[in-house]
Amino acid sequence: MVRLVAPTPDDRICDPACGTAGFLVTSAEYIRETYEAQMTADQWQHFDTDAFSGFDTDRTMLRLSAMNLMLHSITNPHIDYQDSLSKQNELASRYDVILANPPFTGTVDAESINDNLKAVCNSKKTELLFIALFLRMLKKGGRCACIAPDGVLFGSTKAHKTLRQELVENHQLQAVISMPSGVFKPYAGVSTAILVFTKTGAGGTDKVWFYDMKADGFSLDDKRNPIAANDIPDIIARFHNLAGEVDRAKTEPSFFVDKQAIVDNGYDLSINRYKEVIYEQVEYDPPEVIMARLDQLAGEIGTKMAELREMING
């Protein structure tokens, strides 16, 4: 996900549900790997102070986040105790990049939800409210890659549809990457997807790129052992060369879907709505041939049974 949004040394990066700060650490490593030789003194100063922010409601996680970042030479990160969805969080239009894997399940007290989130998505479901929050916290032109449960993609409630319409009509939804259901085992078995979008406030979605991920380099059972199959390098390469994806058919692992098709389908973003499956025609022998074959098998079984009885009876 970090490589999809490609943060730069000038970006302010945030994870509003940071856990142990994995996204922030990986972003820092990506920036060092990509830009270290050319970063200016001001950019290094920004890197050490204002570049990384994270929030969580678990104080133990916050301590782990701070320690994790400091162990990766990020000396002054902004790691704070805060319920990102609450009225206490008034952060808006502040960040260039948001990377997050917010809580999938659960609801929050309607009275505590920030009113400007309810204006975008009138719901108590955390997975919907967090996406509305990302839109509020991003600057115009800011990029987001977040994980969402599949229900966000095709849920039929008014809140689900309104949120998807907001992404498609008022911002630039770039990609929906469908992931297999085992990627978060043994902790959760829910099917998920990665949403990649840019906050524009003025639309910009012309077509959306879909990718049907089948493997992530690990087995999809509770053991999650390393395996050879891994679609992630292909996803990154294709996402950064979307011009080469234009002519791919909907029978392939990745393809574009026009915005109008999404609108016509009630803003449904599930890949199965648009993926085409080719069925191979199977030809069977005529019934009389199959019956003759069964008669022959029955005869052979009867002969063998008779031979077996003779052997048993001596």
C-alpha atoms as a PDB file:
ATOM      1  CA  MET A   1       0.000   0.000   0.000  1.00  0.00           C
ATOM      2  CA  VAL A   2       2.898   2.367   0.726  1.00  0.00           C
ATOM      3  CA  ARG A   3       4.338   1.685  -2.710  1.00  0.00           C
ATOM      4  CA  LEU A   4       0.958   2.351  -4.311  1.00  0.00           C
ATOM      5  CA  VAL A   5       0.679   5.898  -2.910  1.00  0.00           C
ATOM      6  CA  ALA A   6       4.474   6.503  -3.076  1.00  0.00           C
ATOM      7  CA  PRO A   7       5.010   9.081  -0.290  1.00  0.00           C
ATOM      8  CA  THR A   8       7.663  11.769  -0.821  1.00  0.00           C
ATOM      9  CA  PRO A   9       9.989  13.611   1.629  1.00  0.00           C
ATOM     10  CA  ASP A  10       7.667  16.634   1.564  1.00  0.00           C
ATOM     11  CA  ASP A  11       4.493  14.748   2.505  1.00  0.00           C
ATOM     12  CA  ARG A  12       2.746  14.719   5.853  1.00  0.00           C
ATOM     13  CA  ILE A  13       1.671  11.127   6.434  1.00  0.00           C
ATOM     14  CA  CYS A  14      -0.993   9.954   8.871  1.00  0.00           C
ATOM     15  CA  ASP A  15      -2.571   6.733  10.120  1.00  0.00           C
ATOM     16  CA  PRO A  16      -5.683   7.631  12.192  1.00  0.00           C
ATOM     17  CA  ALA A  17      -5.886   4.064  13.562  1.00  0.00           C
ATOM     18  CA  CYS A  18      -2.179   3.400  13.809  1.00  0.00           C
ATOM     19  CA  GLY A  19      -1.881   0.294  16.014  1.00  0.00           C
ATOM     20  CA  THR A  20       1.868  -0.399  16.164  1.00  0.00           C
ATOM     21  CA  ALA A  21       2.628   2.191  13.425  1.00  0.00           C
ATOM     22  CA  GLY A  22       3.444  -0.322  10.710  1.00  0.00           C
ATOM     23  CA  PHE A  23       2.295   1.967   7.909  1.00  0.00           C
ATOM     24  CA  LEU A  24       4.314   4.901   9.264  1.00  0.00           C
ATOM     25  CA  VAL A  25       7.475   2.822   9.665  1.00  0.00           C
ATOM     26  CA  THR A  26       7.129   1.381   6.165  1.00  0.00           C
ATOM     27  CA  SER A  27       6.544   4.874   4.752  1.00  0.00           C
ATOM     28  CA  ALA A  28       9.730   6.087   6.422  1.00  0.00           C
ATOM     29  CA  GLU A  29      11.679   3.153   5.013  1.00  0.00           C
ATOM     30  CA  TYR A  30      10.254   3.821   1.533  1.00  0.00           C
ATOM     31  CA  ILE A  31      11.239   7.508   1.657  1.00  0.00           C
ATOM     32  CA  ARG A  32      14.777   6.650   2.777  1.00  0.00           C
ATOM     33  CA  GLU A  33      15.113   3.958   0.126  1.00  0.00           C
ATOM     34  CA  THR A  34      13.843   6.205  -2.670  1.00  0.00           C
ATOM     35  CA  TYR A  35      15.033   9.718  -1.786  1.00  0.00           C
ATOM     36  CA  GLU A  36      17.797   9.525   0.849  1.00  0.00           C
ATOM     37  CA  ALA A  37      20.631  10.574  -1.469  1.00  0.00           C
ATOM     38  CA  GLN A  38      18.816  13.724  -2.629  1.00  0.00           C
ATOM     39  CA  MET A  39      16.972  14.929   0.477  1.00  0.00           C
ATOM     40  CA  THR A  40      17.687  18.503   1.612  1.00  0.00           C
ATOM     41  CA  ALA A  41      18.329  19.628   5.192  1.00  0.00           C
ATOM     42  CA  ASP A  42      14.760  21.013   5.386  1.00  0.00           C
ATOM     43  CA  GLN A  43      13.356  17.697   4.208  1.00  0.00           C
ATOM     44  CA  TRP A  44      15.360  15.809   6.849  1.00  0.00           C
ATOM     45  CA  GLN A  45      14.074  18.237   9.467  1.00  0.00           C
ATOM     46  CA  HIS A  46      10.515  17.592   8.266  1.00  0.00           C
ATOM     47  CA  PHE A  47      11.212  13.840   8.299  1.00  0.00           C
ATOM     48  CA  ASP A  48      12.290  13.996  11.952  1.00  0.00           C
ATOM     49  CA  THR A  49       9.421  16.173  13.181  1.00  0.00           C
ATOM     50  CA  ASP A  50       6.235  16.727  11.172  1.00  0.00           C
ATOM     51  CA  ALA A  51       6.207  13.944   8.579  1.00  0.00           C
ATOM     52  CA  PHE A  52       4.557  11.156  10.593  1.00  0.00           C
ATOM     53  CA  SER A  53       1.385  11.252  12.686  1.00  0.00           C
ATOM     54  CA  GLY A  54      -0.652   8.470  14.253  1.00  0.00           C
ATOM     55  CA  PHE A  55      -3.660   8.187  16.554  1.00  0.00           C
ATOM     56  CA  ASP A  56      -5.161   5.337  18.544  1.00  0.00           C
ATOM     57  CA  THR A  57      -7.440   4.725  21.518  1.00  0.00           C
ATOM     58  CA  ASP A  58      -5.222   2.012  23.065  1.00  0.00           C
ATOM     59  CA  ARG A  59      -2.421   3.455  25.188  1.00  0.00           C
ATOM     60  CA  THR A  60      -0.403   0.251  24.995  1.00  0.00           C
ATOM     61  CA  MET A  61      -0.508   0.427  21.192  1.00  0.00           C
ATOM     62  CA  LEU A  62       0.598   4.056  21.360  1.00  0.00           C
ATOM     63  CA  ARG A  63       3.637   3.132  23.440  1.00  0.00           C
ATOM     64  CA  LEU A  64       4.485   0.382  20.956  1.00  0.00           C
ATOM     65  CA  SER A  65       4.026   2.851  18.081  1.00  0.00           C
ATOM     66  CA  ALA A  66       6.363   5.407  19.589  1.00  0.00           C
ATOM     67  CA  MET A  67       8.984   2.774  20.369  1.00  0.00           C
ATOM     68  CA  ASN A  68       8.693   1.244  16.896  1.00  0.00           C
ATOM     69  CA  LEU A  69       9.171   4.621  15.213  1.00  0.00           C
ATOM     70  CA  MET A  70      12.108   5.583  17.431  1.00  0.00           C
ATOM     71  CA  LEU A  71      13.798   2.248  16.718  1.00  0.00           C
ATOM     72  CA  HIS A  72      13.536   3.217  13.037  1.00  0.00           C
ATOM     73  CA  SER A  73      15.223   6.601  13.673  1.00  0.00           C
ATOM     74  CA  ILE A  74      12.061   8.703  13.662  1.00  0.00           C
ATOM     75  CA  THR A  75      12.813  10.733  16.758  1.00  0.00           C
ATOM     76  CA  ASN A  76       9.822  13.078  17.097  1.00  0.00           C
ATOM     77  CA  PRO A  77       6.699  11.490  15.607  1.00  0.00           C
ATOM     78  CA  HIS A  78       3.246  12.834  16.466  1.00  0.00           C
ATOM     79  CA  ILE A  79       1.681   9.824  18.206  1.00  0.00           C
ATOM     80  CA  ASP A  80      -1.364  10.824  20.236  1.00  0.00           C
ATOM     81  CA  TYR A  81      -4.213   9.278  22.207  1.00  0.00           C
ATOM     82  CA  GLN A  82      -7.342  10.210  20.313  1.00  0.00           C
ATOM     83  CA  ASP A  83     -10.613   8.734  19.132  1.00  0.00           C
ATOM     84  CA  SER A  84     -10.286   9.771  15.505  1.00  0.00           C
ATOM     85  CA  LEU A  85     -14.044   9.586  14.882  1.00  0.00           C
ATOM     86  CA  SER A  86     -15.048  11.712  17.859  1.00  0.00           C
ATOM     87  CA  LYS A  87     -15.981  15.359  18.102  1.00  0.00           C
ATOM     88  CA  GLN A  88     -12.623  16.010  19.769  1.00  0.00           C
ATOM     89  CA  ASN A  89     -10.857  15.349  16.462  1.00  0.00           C
ATOM     90  CA  GLU A  90     -11.201  18.501  14.383  1.00  0.00           C
ATOM     91  CA  LEU A  91      -8.249  17.817  12.070  1.00  0.00           C
ATOM     92  CA  ALA A  92      -9.139  18.678   8.487  1.00  0.00           C
ATOM     93  CA  SER A  93      -7.240  19.206   5.230  1.00  0.00           C
ATOM     94  CA  ARG A  94      -3.926  18.569   6.959  1.00  0.00           C
ATOM     95  CA  TYR A  95      -2.293  15.474   5.448  1.00  0.00           C
ATOM     96  CA  ASP A  96      -0.854  14.619   2.036  1.00  0.00           C
ATOM     97  CA  VAL A  97      -1.014  10.835   2.543  1.00  0.00           C
ATOM     98  CA  ILE A  98      -3.227   8.617   4.682  1.00  0.00           C
ATOM     99  CA  LEU A  99      -2.524   4.908   5.042  1.00  0.00           C
ATOM    100  CA  ALA A 100      -4.791   2.890   7.289  1.00  0.00           C
ATOM    101  CA  ASN A 101      -6.310  -0.430   8.226  1.00  0.00           C
ATOM    102  CA  PRO A 102      -9.156   0.854  10.438  1.00  0.00           C
ATOM    103  CA  PRO A 103     -11.437  -1.317  12.605  1.00  0.00           C
ATOM    104  CA  PHE A 104     -13.660  -3.518  10.448  1.00  0.00           C
ATOM    105  CA  THR A 105     -16.474  -4.166  12.838  1.00  0.00           C
ATOM    106  CA  GLY A 106     -18.399  -2.438  15.536  1.00  0.00           C
ATOM    107  CA  THR A 107     -20.363   0.737  15.952  1.00  0.00           C
ATOM    108  CA  VAL A 108     -19.780   3.888  17.928  1.00  0.00           C
ATOM    109  CA  ASP A 109     -22.081   6.029  20.019  1.00  0.00           C
ATOM    110  CA  ALA A 110     -23.950   8.295  17.629  1.00  0.00           C
ATOM    111  CA  GLU A 111     -23.664  11.215  20.070  1.00  0.00           C
ATOM    112  CA  SER A 112     -19.858  11.080  20.028  1.00  0.00           C
ATOM    113  CA  ILE A 113     -19.442  11.042  16.217  1.00  0.00           C
ATOM    114  CA  ASN A 114     -18.165  14.260  14.693  1.00  0.00           C
ATOM    115  CA  ASP A 115     -21.027  15.985  12.877  1.00  0.00           C
ATOM    116  CA  ASN A 116     -19.047  16.630   9.696  1.00  0.00           C
ATOM    117  CA  LEU A 117     -18.525  12.879   9.320  1.00  0.00           C
ATOM    118  CA  LYS A 118     -22.251  12.240   9.606  1.00  0.00           C
ATOM    119  CA  ALA A 119     -22.789  14.817   6.882  1.00  0.00           C
ATOM    120  CA  VAL A 120     -20.821  12.596   4.471  1.00  0.00           C
ATOM    121  CA  CYS A 121     -21.994   9.246   5.798  1.00  0.00           C
ATOM    122  CA  ASN A 122     -24.866   9.096   8.276  1.00  0.00           C
ATOM    123  CA  SER A 123     -23.945   5.817   9.913  1.00  0.00           C
ATOM    124  CA  LYS A 124     -22.605   4.353  13.160  1.00  0.00           C
ATOM    125  CA  LYS A 125     -20.471   1.744  11.332  1.00  0.00           C
ATOM    126  CA  THR A 126     -16.800   2.413  11.919  1.00  0.00           C
ATOM    127  CA  GLU A 127     -15.645   1.074   8.539  1.00  0.00           C
ATOM    128  CA  LEU A 128     -17.769   3.702   6.759  1.00  0.00           C
ATOM    129  CA  LEU A 129     -17.011   6.565   9.126  1.00  0.00           C
ATOM    130  CA  PHE A 130     -13.264   6.080   8.850  1.00  0.00           C
ATOM    131  CA  ILE A 131     -13.336   6.495   5.053  1.00  0.00           C
ATOM    132  CA  ALA A 132     -15.344   9.702   5.496  1.00  0.00           C
ATOM    133  CA  LEU A 133     -12.714  10.768   8.049  1.00  0.00           C
ATOM    134  CA  PHE A 134      -9.859  10.139   5.602  1.00  0.00           C
ATOM    135  CA  LEU A 135     -11.545  12.424   3.081  1.00  0.00           C
ATOM    136  CA  ARG A 136     -11.858  15.171   5.703  1.00  0.00           C
ATOM    137  CA  MET A 137      -8.269  14.876   6.974  1.00  0.00           C
ATOM    138  CA  LEU A 138      -6.625  14.875   3.532  1.00  0.00           C
ATOM    139  CA  LYS A 139      -5.545  18.043   1.782  1.00  0.00           C
ATOM    140  CA  LYS A 140      -6.880  18.555  -1.727  1.00  0.00           C
ATOM    141  CA  GLY A 141      -4.701  16.395  -3.909  1.00  0.00           C
ATOM    142  CA  GLY A 142      -3.928  14.106  -0.963  1.00  0.00           C
ATOM    143  CA  ARG A 143      -3.719  10.357  -1.564  1.00  0.00           C
ATOM    144  CA  CYS A 144      -5.146   7.523   0.477  1.00  0.00           C
ATOM    145  CA  ALA A 145      -4.761   3.750   0.465  1.00  0.00           C
ATOM    146  CA  CYS A 146      -6.940   2.012   3.018  1.00  0.00           C
ATOM    147  CA  ILE A 147      -8.281  -1.443   3.713  1.00  0.00           C
ATOM    148  CA  ALA A 148     -12.037  -1.917   3.806  1.00  0.00           C
ATOM    149  CA  PRO A 149     -14.191  -5.014   4.349  1.00  0.00           C
ATOM    150  CA  ASP A 150     -16.023  -6.195   1.251  1.00  0.00           C
ATOM    151  CA  GLY A 151     -19.344  -5.032   2.675  1.00  0.00           C
ATOM    152  CA  VAL A 152     -18.247  -1.434   2.076  1.00  0.00           C
ATOM    153  CA  LEU A 153     -17.990  -2.229  -1.638  1.00  0.00           C
ATOM    154  CA  PHE A 154     -21.502  -3.582  -2.171  1.00  0.00           C
ATOM    155  CA  GLY A 155     -23.556  -2.856   0.971  1.00  0.00           C
ATOM    156  CA  SER A 156     -27.094  -1.825   0.087  1.00  0.00           C
ATOM    157  CA  THR A 157     -27.874   0.624   2.893  1.00  0.00           C
ATOM    158  CA  LYS A 158     -28.211   4.313   2.152  1.00  0.00           C
ATOM    159  CA  ALA A 159     -24.997   5.049   4.088  1.00  0.00           C
ATOM    160  CA  HIS A 160     -23.001   2.512   2.041  1.00  0.00           C
ATOM    161  CA  LYS A 161     -24.264   3.873  -1.270  1.00  0.00           C
ATOM    162  CA  THR A 162     -23.795   7.506  -0.240  1.00  0.00           C
ATOM    163  CA  LEU A 163     -20.174   6.902   0.735  1.00  0.00           C
ATOM    164  CA  ARG A 164     -19.360   5.116  -2.529  1.00  0.00           C
ATOM    165  CA  GLN A 165     -21.103   7.864  -4.479  1.00  0.00           C
ATOM    166  CA  GLU A 166     -19.005  10.445  -2.618  1.00  0.00           C
ATOM    167  CA  LEU A 167     -15.789   8.668  -3.641  1.00  0.00           C
ATOM    168  CA  VAL A 168     -16.804   8.234  -7.279  1.00  0.00           C
ATOM    169  CA  GLU A 169     -18.559  11.535  -7.948  1.00  0.00           C
ATOM    170  CA  ASN A 170     -16.715  14.060  -5.763  1.00  0.00           C
ATOM    171  CA  HIS A 171     -13.182  12.644  -5.701  1.00  0.00           C
ATOM    172  CA  GLN A 172     -10.939  10.435  -7.813  1.00  0.00           C
ATOM    173  CA  LEU A 173     -11.317   6.765  -6.986  1.00  0.00           C
ATOM    174  CA  GLN A 174      -8.356   5.133  -8.702  1.00  0.00           C
ATOM    175  CA  ALA A 175      -8.270   1.475  -7.700  1.00  0.00           C
ATOM    176  CA  VAL A 176     -10.128  -1.323  -5.947  1.00  0.00           C
ATOM    177  CA  ILE A 177      -7.846  -4.268  -5.188  1.00  0.00           C
ATOM    178  CA  SER A 178      -9.812  -7.303  -4.047  1.00  0.00           C
ATOM    179  CA  MET A 179      -7.913  -9.516  -1.585  1.00  0.00           C
ATOM    180  CA  PRO A 180      -8.548 -13.167  -0.659  1.00  0.00           C
ATOM    181  CA  SER A 181     -10.297 -13.802   2.640  1.00  0.00           C
ATOM    182  CA  GLY A 182      -7.309 -15.387   4.406  1.00  0.00           C
ATOM    183  CA  VAL A 183      -4.877 -12.458   4.333  1.00  0.00           C
ATOM    184  CA  PHE A 184      -5.641 -11.455   7.947  1.00  0.00           C
ATOM    185  CA  LYS A 185      -5.792 -14.927   9.444  1.00  0.00           C
ATOM    186  CA  PRO A 186      -5.566 -16.096  12.152  1.00  0.00           C
ATOM    187  CA  TYR A 187      -6.963 -12.810  13.510  1.00  0.00           C
ATOM    188  CA  ALA A 188      -9.835 -12.319  11.058  1.00  0.00           C
ATOM    189  CA  GLY A 189     -11.253 -14.222   8.116  1.00  0.00           C
ATOM    190  CA  VAL A 190     -13.300 -11.424   6.550  1.00  0.00           C
ATOM    191  CA  SER A 191     -12.825 -10.662   2.840  1.00  0.00           C
ATOM    192  CA  THR A 192     -11.280  -7.258   2.265  1.00  0.00           C
ATOM    193  CA  ALA A 193     -10.146  -4.862  -0.433  1.00  0.00           C
ATOM    194  CA  ILE A 194      -7.714  -1.981  -0.769  1.00  0.00           C
ATOM    195  CA  LEU A 195      -9.216   1.326  -1.885  1.00  0.00           C
ATOM    196  CA  VAL A 196      -6.878   3.869  -3.476  1.00  0.00           C
ATOM    197  CA  PHE A 197      -8.228   7.372  -4.017  1.00  0.00           C
ATOM    198  CA  THR A 198      -7.245  11.032  -4.249  1.00  0.00           C
ATOM    199  CA  LYS A 199      -9.176  13.829  -2.569  1.00  0.00           C
ATOM    200  CA  THR A 200     -10.140  16.401  -5.185  1.00  0.00           C
ATOM    201  CA  GLY A 201     -13.460  17.849  -4.035  1.00  0.00           C
ATOM    202  CA  ALA A 202     -14.319  18.220  -7.708  1.00  0.00           C
ATOM    203  CA  GLY A 203     -14.636  14.711  -9.091  1.00  0.00           C
ATOM    204  CA  GLY A 204     -12.106  13.222 -11.455  1.00  0.00           C
ATOM    205  CA  THR A 205     -13.152   9.578 -11.516  1.00  0.00           C
ATOM    206  CA  ASP A 206     -13.243   8.593 -15.167  1.00  0.00           C
ATOM    207  CA  LYS A 207     -12.629   4.876 -14.768  1.00  0.00           C
ATOM    208  CA  VAL A 208     -11.607   2.641 -11.887  1.00  0.00           C
ATOM    209  CA  TRP A 209      -8.899   0.004 -11.989  1.00  0.00           C
ATOM    210  CA  PHE A 210      -9.816  -3.358 -10.459  1.00  0.00           C
ATOM    211  CA  TYR A 211      -7.419  -6.159  -9.523  1.00  0.00           C
ATOM    212  CA  ASP A 212      -8.407  -9.626  -8.349  1.00  0.00           C
ATOM    213  CA  MET A 213      -5.589 -10.675  -5.995  1.00  0.00           C
ATOM    214  CA  LYS A 214      -5.383 -14.434  -5.487  1.00  0.00           C
ATOM    215  CA  ALA A 215      -2.166 -14.759  -3.434  1.00  0.00           C
ATOM    216  CA  ASP A 216       0.049 -12.530  -1.274  1.00  0.00           C
ATOM    217  CA  GLY A 217       3.062 -14.787  -0.793  1.00  0.00           C
ATOM    218  CA  PHE A 218       1.628 -16.693   2.193  1.00  0.00           C
ATOM    219  CA  SER A 219      -0.798 -19.554   2.620  1.00  0.00           C
ATOM    220  CA  LEU A 220      -4.370 -18.447   3.304  1.00  0.00           C
ATOM    221  CA  ASP A 221      -4.884 -20.699   6.328  1.00  0.00           C
ATOM    222  CA  ASP A 222      -4.206 -19.922   9.985  1.00  0.00           C
ATOM    223  CA  LYS A 223      -0.516 -20.870   9.666  1.00  0.00           C
ATOM    224  CA  ARG A 224       0.254 -18.279   6.939  1.00  0.00           C
ATOM    225  CA  ASN A 225       3.366 -20.095   5.757  1.00  0.00           C
ATOM    226  CA  PRO A 226       5.441 -18.540   2.923  1.00  0.00           C
ATOM    227  CA  ILE A 227       4.516 -19.770  -0.579  1.00  0.00           C
ATOM    228  CA  ALA A 228       5.770 -18.973  -4.089  1.00  0.00           C
ATOM    229  CA  ALA A 229       2.525 -17.466  -5.427  1.00  0.00           C
ATOM    230  CA  ASN A 230       2.463 -13.691  -4.867  1.00  0.00           C
ATOM    231  CA  ASP A 231       0.458 -11.106  -6.835  1.00  0.00           C
ATOM    232  CA  ILE A 232       1.772  -8.065  -4.952  1.00  0.00           C
ATOM    233  CA  PRO A 233       4.758  -7.259  -7.252  1.00  0.00           C
ATOM    234  CA  ASP A 234       2.407  -7.505 -10.244  1.00  0.00           C
ATOM    235  CA  ILE A 235      -0.131  -5.194  -8.572  1.00  0.00           C
ATOM    236  CA  ILE A 236       2.497  -2.530  -7.871  1.00  0.00           C
ATOM    237  CA  ALA A 237       3.967  -2.741 -11.380  1.00  0.00           C
ATOM    238  CA  ARG A 238       0.570  -2.538 -13.082  1.00  0.00           C
ATOM    239  CA  PHE A 239      -0.724   0.283 -10.861  1.00  0.00           C
ATOM    240  CA  HIS A 240       2.258   2.436 -11.809  1.00  0.00           C
ATOM    241  CA  ASN A 241       1.707   1.702 -15.507  1.00  0.00           C
ATOM    242  CA  LEU A 242      -2.053   2.080 -15.839  1.00  0.00           C
ATOM    243  CA  ALA A 243      -1.707   3.156 -19.477  1.00  0.00           C
ATOM    244  CA  GLY A 244      -0.829  -0.452 -20.221  1.00  0.00           C
ATOM    245  CA  GLU A 245      -4.038  -1.681 -18.564  1.00  0.00           C
ATOM    246  CA  VAL A 246      -6.496   0.082 -20.870  1.00  0.00           C
ATOM    247  CA  ASP A 247      -7.022  -2.775 -23.307  1.00  0.00           C
ATOM    248  CA  ARG A 248      -7.152  -5.625 -20.801  1.00  0.00           C
ATOM    249  CA  ALA A 249     -10.315  -7.705 -20.932  1.00  0.00           C
ATOM    250  CA  LYS A 250     -12.589  -8.229 -17.949  1.00  0.00           C
ATOM    251  CA  THR A 251     -11.649 -11.896 -17.987  1.00  0.00           C
ATOM    252  CA  GLU A 252      -8.089 -11.017 -16.883  1.00  0.00           C
ATOM    253  CA  PRO A 253      -6.905 -10.469 -13.276  1.00  0.00           C
ATOM    254  CA  SER A 254      -6.919  -6.674 -13.699  1.00  0.00           C
ATOM    255  CA  PHE A 255      -9.007  -4.343 -15.843  1.00  0.00           C
ATOM    256  CA  PHE A 256     -10.633  -0.914 -16.002  1.00  0.00           C
ATOM    257  CA  VAL A 257     -14.327  -0.223 -15.450  1.00  0.00           C
ATOM    258  CA  ASP A 258     -15.849   2.980 -16.796  1.00  0.00           C
ATOM    259  CA  LYS A 259     -17.428   5.313 -14.268  1.00  0.00           C
ATOM    260  CA  GLN A 260     -20.797   5.106 -16.020  1.00  0.00           C
ATOM    261  CA  ALA A 261     -20.926   1.332 -15.549  1.00  0.00           C
ATOM    262  CA  ILE A 262     -20.328   1.843 -11.836  1.00  0.00           C
ATOM    263  CA  VAL A 263     -23.064   4.485 -11.656  1.00  0.00           C
ATOM    264  CA  ASP A 264     -25.474   2.205 -13.524  1.00  0.00           C
ATOM    265  CA  ASN A 265     -24.800  -0.525 -10.955  1.00  0.00           C
ATOM    266  CA  GLY A 266     -25.687   1.654  -7.980  1.00  0.00           C
ATOM    267  CA  TYR A 267     -22.023   2.517  -7.282  1.00  0.00           C
ATOM    268  CA  ASP A 268     -21.289  -1.158  -6.589  1.00  0.00           C
ATOM    269  CA  LEU A 269     -17.496  -1.576  -6.292  1.00  0.00           C
ATOM    270  CA  SER A 270     -17.269  -5.359  -5.916  1.00  0.00           C
ATOM    271  CA  ILE A 271     -15.079  -6.891  -8.616  1.00  0.00           C
ATOM    272  CA  ASN A 272     -17.491  -9.775  -9.158  1.00  0.00           C
ATOM    273  CA  ARG A 273     -20.054  -7.304 -10.481  1.00  0.00           C
ATOM    274  CA  TYR A 274     -17.782  -6.521 -13.453  1.00  0.00           C
ATOM    275  CA  LYS A 275     -15.543  -9.555 -13.878  1.00  0.00           C
ATOM    276  CA  GLU A 276     -16.396 -11.804 -16.810  1.00  0.00           C
ATOM    277  CA  VAL A 277     -15.961 -15.561 -16.478  1.00  0.00           C
ATOM    278  CA  ILE A 278     -15.376 -17.751 -19.516  1.00  0.00           C
ATOM    279  CA  TYR A 279     -17.085 -21.115 -19.238  1.00  0.00           C
ATOM    280  CA  GLU A 280     -15.655 -23.993 -21.225  1.00  0.00           C
ATOM    281  CA  GLN A 281     -18.204 -26.174 -22.956  1.00  0.00           C
ATOM    282  CA  VAL A 282     -18.022 -29.779 -21.838  1.00  0.00           C
ATOM    283  CA  GLU A 283     -19.277 -32.453 -24.210  1.00  0.00           C
ATOM    284  CA  TYR A 284     -20.621 -35.704 -22.813  1.00  0.00           C
ATOM    285  CA  ASP A 285     -21.205 -39.048 -24.518  1.00  0.00           C
ATOM    286  CA  PRO A 286     -24.792 -39.852 -25.520  1.00  0.00           C
ATOM    287  CA  PRO A 287     -26.877 -41.484 -22.745  1.00  0.00           C
ATOM    288  CA  GLU A 288     -26.940 -44.866 -24.497  1.00  0.00           C
ATOM    289  CA  VAL A 289     -23.132 -44.976 -24.612  1.00  0.00           C
ATOM    290  CA  ILE A 290     -22.914 -44.122 -20.897  1.00  0.00           C
ATOM    291  CA  MET A 291     -25.515 -46.823 -20.064  1.00  0.00           C
ATOM    292  CA  ALA A 292     -23.621 -49.410 -22.099  1.00  0.00           C
ATOM    293  CA  ARG A 293     -20.451 -48.530 -20.221  1.00  0.00           C
ATOM    294  CA  LEU A 294     -22.258 -48.938 -16.900  1.00  0.00           C
ATOM    295  CA  ASP A 295     -23.607 -52.342 -18.003  1.00  0.00           C
ATOM    296  CA  GLN A 296     -20.071 -53.428 -18.875  1.00  0.00           C
ATOM    297  CA  LEU A 297     -18.765 -52.283 -15.486  1.00  0.00           C
ATOM    298  CA  ALA A 298     -21.606 -54.065 -13.704  1.00  0.00           C
ATOM    299  CA  GLY A 299     -20.765 -57.271 -15.587  1.00  0.00           C
ATOM    300  CA  GLU A 300     -17.091 -57.003 -14.678  1.00  0.00           C
ATOM    301  CA  ILE A 301     -17.975 -56.420 -11.018  1.00  0.00           C
ATOM    302  CA  GLY A 302     -20.281 -59.485 -11.050  1.00  0.00           C
ATOM    303  CA  THR A 303     -17.505 -61.663 -12.532  1.00  0.00           C
ATOM    304  CA  LYS A 304     -14.968 -60.500  -9.934  1.00  0.00           C
ATOM    305  CA  MET A 305     -17.474 -61.080  -7.114  1.00  0.00           C
ATOM    306  CA  ALA A 306     -18.050 -64.651  -8.328  1.00  0.00           C
ATOM    307  CA  GLU A 307     -14.307 -65.295  -8.448  1.00  0.00           C
ATOM    308  CA  LEU A 308     -13.929 -63.893  -4.921  1.00  0.00           C
ATOM    309  CA  ARG A 309     -16.676 -66.204  -3.586  1.00  0.00           C
ATOM    310  CA  GLU A 310     -14.967 -69.249  -5.129  1.00  0.00           C
ATOM    311  CA  MET A 311     -11.687 -68.278  -3.444  1.00  0.00           C
ATOM    312  CA  ILE A 312     -13.430 -67.827  -0.068  1.00  0.00           C
ATOM    313  CA  ASN A 313     -15.323 -71.138  -0.331  1.00  0.00           C
ATOM    314  CA  GLY A 314     -12.162 -73.007  -1.357  1.00  0.00           C
END
